[in-house]
Amino acid sequence: MELKGVPAMKGSLNAVISTQRKGYRPPSLSESFAWSAENVLRATNNVSTTSLDLLVVQSPPISPQTTPPPPPQKKAQACTETKALNAILRFLFHITLISIFESVFFFYYVSSLEDNGINNTLGQLLDGVVSSCTNSTALSRNITNDLLSLFLNSTVIIAEGNNAYGARKVTNDRLYMRAWIYVGALSGLFALLTAVAVARKVHVKWKKLVLENLVLVAILGAYEYTFFSTIIFPYTPITGDEIARNAVYEFQGRCGLLTH
């Protein structure tokens, strides 16, 4: 409203859009740049040049408000934190999957292979003795039994074997629980760091993390199974004949028996 009474200034844009000229429309918002403080003051001649200078100095142009960018140090810290958490989560997830695989693979596959290997070796040692006993007469069996009873007590041997089985089972069950405690600890640590990443809004590449580690563990599992099936399982341990020979050496050297 204050600008409507400003007369046209000769040689300026005000001469075109001034409202003091008949038939001309009032200036629109897009033309308001012509009505600057300097033009208004000069047109009205109501203030001095000094006042104009003060007005210009005291009225700096207003720049649009923008959000200042974060400091470079904070951006570097955020980038370092993101990389560190991604690397630790990827490593922990990999170790957790490996611990699960190793626990299942050992207690349900490797341990049975070891037990079967020992039983097969002892079976080869006893096969010859048992087969010779089946073809012996009752008299020879009684004589052999009397001789063996001087050195061996079957009742004591069976009881000790049962006790050893119970003690072995307790120990192995404790180891089994310990293995799964390790798995639980790793899983808990992974869950804790995941919660930290979510709370701090750290970008984690979950799809890459999960798929990459699942593929790696699958490849490792296939290799482990192949290695045990083709290398360890066919491996020939000490044979029954070798155990019998070593037993004869022991009797000969320490007891003076089986020298003929």
Protein backbone atom coordinates (compact mmCIF):
# COMPACT_ATOMS: atom_id res chain seq x y z
CA MET A 1 0.00 0.00 0.00
CA GLU A 2 2.90 2.36 0.69
CA LEU A 3 4.27 1.89 -2.82
CA LYS A 4 1.08 2.93 -4.61
CA GLY A 5 1.79 6.63 -4.12
CA VAL A 6 5.35 6.56 -5.40
CA PRO A 7 5.68 8.60 -8.63
CA ALA A 8 7.32 7.26 -11.72
CA MET A 9 11.09 7.71 -11.96
CA LYS A 10 12.22 8.80 -15.36
CA GLY A 11 14.50 6.33 -17.06
CA SER A 12 13.78 3.54 -14.59
CA LEU A 13 11.45 0.58 -14.45
CA ASN A 14 9.20 2.63 -12.17
CA ALA A 15 8.26 4.70 -15.19
CA VAL A 16 6.64 1.64 -16.64
CA ILE A 17 4.86 0.20 -13.62
CA SER A 18 4.19 3.28 -11.47
CA THR A 19 0.56 3.61 -10.32
CA GLN A 20 0.76 7.39 -10.76
CA ARG A 21 0.38 6.99 -14.51
CA LYS A 22 -3.17 6.62 -15.69
CA GLY A 23 -4.22 3.36 -17.27
CA TYR A 24 -1.35 1.38 -15.83
CA ARG A 25 -2.01 -1.57 -13.59
CA PRO A 26 -0.50 -1.88 -10.09
CA PRO A 27 2.76 -3.84 -9.94
CA SER A 28 2.46 -7.59 -9.37
CA LEU A 29 4.57 -9.62 -6.96
CA SER A 30 6.81 -10.70 -9.81
CA GLU A 31 7.56 -7.01 -10.50
CA SER A 32 8.15 -6.04 -6.90
CA PHE A 33 11.92 -6.01 -7.39
CA ALA A 34 11.47 -2.63 -9.07
CA TRP A 35 10.20 -1.18 -5.77
CA SER A 36 13.45 -1.53 -3.90
CA ALA A 37 14.14 0.52 -0.79
CA GLU A 38 16.64 2.62 -2.71
CA ASN A 39 14.16 3.48 -5.49
CA VAL A 40 11.39 4.32 -3.02
CA LEU A 41 13.61 6.65 -1.00
CA ARG A 42 14.98 8.42 -4.06
CA ALA A 43 11.51 8.80 -5.56
CA THR A 44 9.94 10.35 -2.50
CA ASN A 45 12.97 12.57 -1.66
CA ASN A 46 12.01 12.28 2.00
CA VAL A 47 15.35 10.99 3.30
CA SER A 48 18.95 11.95 2.80
CA THR A 49 21.66 9.94 1.16
CA THR A 50 23.12 9.15 4.59
CA SER A 51 19.81 7.72 5.74
CA LEU A 52 19.65 5.76 2.51
CA ASP A 53 23.09 4.31 3.14
CA LEU A 54 22.11 3.38 6.68
CA LEU A 55 18.96 1.77 5.43
CA VAL A 56 20.87 -0.23 2.87
CA VAL A 57 23.45 -1.28 5.45
CA GLN A 58 20.87 -2.13 8.07
CA SER A 59 18.66 -4.05 5.69
CA PRO A 60 20.80 -6.84 4.23
CA PRO A 61 19.15 -9.25 1.86
CA ILE A 62 17.56 -12.23 3.56
CA SER A 63 18.89 -15.51 2.31
CA PRO A 64 16.66 -18.58 2.39
CA GLN A 65 17.16 -20.78 5.45
CA THR A 66 18.85 -24.06 4.74
CA THR A 67 19.92 -26.90 7.02
CA PRO A 68 23.67 -26.70 7.53
CA PRO A 69 25.55 -29.81 6.42
CA PRO A 70 26.99 -31.98 9.21
CA PRO A 71 30.62 -31.33 10.08
CA PRO A 72 33.14 -33.52 8.21
CA GLN A 73 34.34 -35.04 11.47
CA LYS A 74 30.87 -36.33 12.35
CA LYS A 75 30.39 -37.73 8.85
CA ALA A 76 33.73 -39.55 9.10
CA GLN A 77 32.82 -40.96 12.51
CA ALA A 78 29.44 -42.20 11.23
CA CYS A 79 31.10 -43.83 8.22
CA THR A 80 33.70 -45.54 10.44
CA GLU A 81 31.00 -46.78 12.82
CA THR A 82 28.94 -48.20 9.95
CA LYS A 83 31.91 -50.05 8.48
CA ALA A 84 33.00 -51.40 11.86
CA LEU A 85 29.55 -52.67 12.85
CA ASN A 86 29.00 -54.27 9.44
CA ALA A 87 32.35 -56.06 9.64
CA ILE A 88 31.79 -57.28 13.22
CA LEU A 89 28.24 -58.46 12.51
CA ARG A 90 29.38 -60.29 9.39
CA PHE A 91 32.20 -62.00 11.32
CA LEU A 92 29.97 -62.94 14.28
CA PHE A 93 27.23 -64.33 12.05
CA HIS A 94 29.82 -66.44 10.21
CA ILE A 95 31.33 -67.79 13.45
CA THR A 96 27.85 -68.53 14.85
CA LEU A 97 26.91 -70.57 11.79
CA ILE A 98 30.25 -72.40 11.94
CA SER A 99 29.75 -73.22 15.63
CA ILE A 100 26.30 -74.66 14.94
CA PHE A 101 27.59 -76.72 12.04
CA GLU A 102 30.62 -78.03 13.95
CA SER A 103 28.52 -79.03 16.98
CA VAL A 104 26.02 -80.97 14.90
CA PHE A 105 28.64 -82.44 12.60
CA PHE A 106 30.92 -83.68 15.38
CA PHE A 107 28.39 -85.06 17.86
CA TYR A 108 26.12 -86.69 15.28
CA TYR A 109 28.62 -87.81 12.64
CA VAL A 110 32.29 -87.71 13.62
CA SER A 111 31.82 -89.23 17.09
CA SER A 112 29.90 -92.18 15.67
CA LEU A 113 32.65 -92.73 13.10
CA GLU A 114 35.27 -92.85 15.84
CA ASP A 115 33.27 -95.28 17.98
CA ASN A 116 32.59 -97.51 15.00
CA GLY A 117 36.27 -97.46 14.02
CA ILE A 118 37.40 -98.65 17.46
CA ASN A 119 34.70 -101.32 17.62
CA ASN A 120 35.62 -102.58 14.15
CA THR A 121 39.29 -102.85 15.13
CA LEU A 122 38.48 -104.82 18.28
CA GLY A 123 36.05 -106.94 16.32
CA GLN A 124 38.80 -107.95 13.92
CA LEU A 125 40.97 -108.89 16.91
CA LEU A 126 38.29 -111.02 18.53
CA ASP A 127 36.93 -112.65 15.39
CA GLY A 128 39.75 -115.18 15.23
CA VAL A 129 39.47 -116.11 18.90
CA VAL A 130 35.68 -116.39 18.84
CA SER A 131 35.67 -118.48 15.67
CA SER A 132 38.20 -120.91 17.16
CA CYS A 133 36.09 -121.22 20.32
CA THR A 134 32.97 -122.20 18.37
CA ASN A 135 34.78 -125.19 16.88
CA SER A 136 36.32 -126.37 20.19
CA THR A 137 34.98 -129.26 22.31
CA ALA A 138 33.32 -128.90 25.71
CA LEU A 139 36.42 -130.28 27.44
CA SER A 140 38.75 -127.78 25.80
CA ARG A 141 36.34 -125.00 26.66
CA ASN A 142 36.34 -125.99 30.32
CA ILE A 143 40.13 -126.16 30.42
CA THR A 144 40.44 -122.77 28.70
CA ASN A 145 37.86 -121.25 31.02
CA ASP A 146 39.72 -122.50 34.09
CA LEU A 147 42.98 -121.08 32.80
CA LEU A 148 41.48 -117.70 31.94
CA SER A 149 39.73 -117.47 35.32
CA LEU A 150 43.14 -117.39 36.95
CA PHE A 151 43.87 -114.06 35.30
CA LEU A 152 40.46 -112.60 34.36
CA ASN A 153 37.19 -112.11 36.27
CA SER A 154 34.33 -111.67 33.83
CA THR A 155 31.99 -110.20 36.45
CA VAL A 156 34.47 -107.50 37.41
CA ILE A 157 35.28 -106.75 33.76
CA ILE A 158 31.60 -106.33 32.85
CA ALA A 159 30.93 -104.09 35.88
CA GLU A 160 33.95 -101.94 35.11
CA GLY A 161 32.83 -101.67 31.50
CA ASN A 162 29.36 -100.51 32.53
CA ASN A 163 30.85 -97.95 34.89
CA ALA A 164 33.20 -96.70 32.18
CA TYR A 165 30.27 -96.36 29.77
CA GLY A 166 28.32 -94.31 32.31
CA ALA A 167 31.30 -92.04 33.05
CA ARG A 168 32.00 -91.58 29.34
CA LYS A 169 28.38 -90.69 28.67
CA VAL A 170 28.33 -88.11 31.47
CA THR A 171 31.54 -86.52 30.16
CA ASN A 172 30.35 -86.43 26.57
CA ASP A 173 26.96 -85.02 27.57
CA ARG A 174 28.77 -82.25 29.44
CA LEU A 175 30.86 -81.51 26.36
CA TYR A 176 27.70 -81.51 24.24
CA MET A 177 26.10 -78.90 26.51
CA ARG A 178 29.31 -76.85 26.54
CA ALA A 179 29.34 -76.75 22.74
CA TRP A 180 25.79 -75.39 22.66
CA ILE A 181 26.63 -72.86 25.37
CA TYR A 182 29.29 -71.53 23.01
CA VAL A 183 26.67 -71.33 20.27
CA GLY A 184 24.29 -69.49 22.61
CA ALA A 185 27.00 -67.03 23.68
CA LEU A 186 27.87 -66.19 20.08
CA SER A 187 24.21 -65.85 19.15
CA GLY A 188 23.60 -63.56 22.14
CA LEU A 189 26.55 -61.37 21.23
CA PHE A 190 25.32 -61.16 17.64
CA ALA A 191 21.82 -60.21 18.83
CA LEU A 192 23.26 -57.55 21.17
CA LEU A 193 25.30 -55.91 18.40
CA THR A 194 22.27 -56.09 16.10
CA ALA A 195 20.25 -54.19 18.71
CA VAL A 196 23.04 -51.59 18.96
CA ALA A 197 23.05 -51.16 15.17
CA VAL A 198 19.27 -50.72 15.10
CA ALA A 199 19.31 -48.27 18.03
CA ARG A 200 22.03 -46.13 16.41
CA LYS A 201 20.30 -46.39 13.01
CA VAL A 202 23.35 -47.88 11.35
CA HIS A 203 22.73 -49.15 7.85
CA VAL A 204 23.49 -52.90 7.78
CA LYS A 205 23.48 -54.84 4.54
CA TRP A 206 21.45 -57.74 5.95
CA LYS A 207 20.72 -59.45 2.65
CA LYS A 208 24.37 -59.59 1.68
CA LEU A 209 25.41 -60.60 5.20
CA VAL A 210 23.00 -63.53 5.42
CA LEU A 211 23.35 -64.85 1.87
CA GLU A 212 27.15 -64.54 1.82
CA ASN A 213 27.60 -66.48 5.07
CA LEU A 214 24.99 -69.12 4.25
CA VAL A 215 26.79 -69.87 0.99
CA LEU A 216 30.19 -70.00 2.71
CA VAL A 217 28.98 -72.34 5.45
CA ALA A 218 27.21 -74.56 2.90
CA ILE A 219 30.43 -74.87 0.90
CA LEU A 220 32.42 -75.57 4.08
CA GLY A 221 29.89 -78.20 5.17
CA ALA A 222 30.07 -79.94 1.82
CA TYR A 223 33.85 -79.98 1.99
CA GLU A 224 33.89 -81.29 5.58
CA TYR A 225 31.49 -84.09 4.74
CA THR A 226 33.43 -85.00 1.60
CA PHE A 227 36.74 -84.96 3.48
CA PHE A 228 35.49 -87.20 6.27
CA SER A 229 33.71 -89.56 3.89
CA THR A 230 36.56 -89.97 1.41
CA ILE A 231 39.67 -89.48 3.59
CA ILE A 232 39.09 -90.03 7.29
CA PHE A 233 36.52 -92.81 7.14
CA PRO A 234 38.48 -94.98 4.64
CA TYR A 235 41.66 -94.40 6.64
CA THR A 236 42.87 -97.71 8.06
CA PRO A 237 43.75 -97.45 11.77
CA ILE A 238 45.78 -99.99 13.71
CA THR A 239 44.53 -103.48 12.91
CA GLY A 240 43.53 -106.30 15.22
CA ASP A 241 46.57 -108.36 14.24
CA GLU A 242 48.84 -105.50 15.24
CA ILE A 243 47.07 -105.21 18.60
CA ALA A 244 47.45 -108.97 19.15
CA ARG A 245 51.14 -108.76 18.30
CA ASN A 246 51.63 -105.90 20.76
CA ALA A 247 49.79 -107.87 23.43
CA VAL A 248 52.09 -110.86 22.88
CA TYR A 249 55.09 -108.56 23.22
CA GLU A 250 53.75 -107.30 26.54
CA PHE A 251 53.18 -110.83 27.89
CA GLN A 252 56.61 -111.95 26.76
CA GLY A 253 58.48 -108.98 28.08
CA ARG A 254 56.70 -108.45 31.42
CA CYS A 255 55.34 -111.87 32.38
CA GLY A 256 57.48 -114.38 30.51
CA LEU A 257 54.37 -115.92 28.94
CA LEU A 258 53.66 -116.93 25.33
CA THR A 259 57.34 -117.49 24.71
CA HIS A 260 56.69 -120.63 22.66
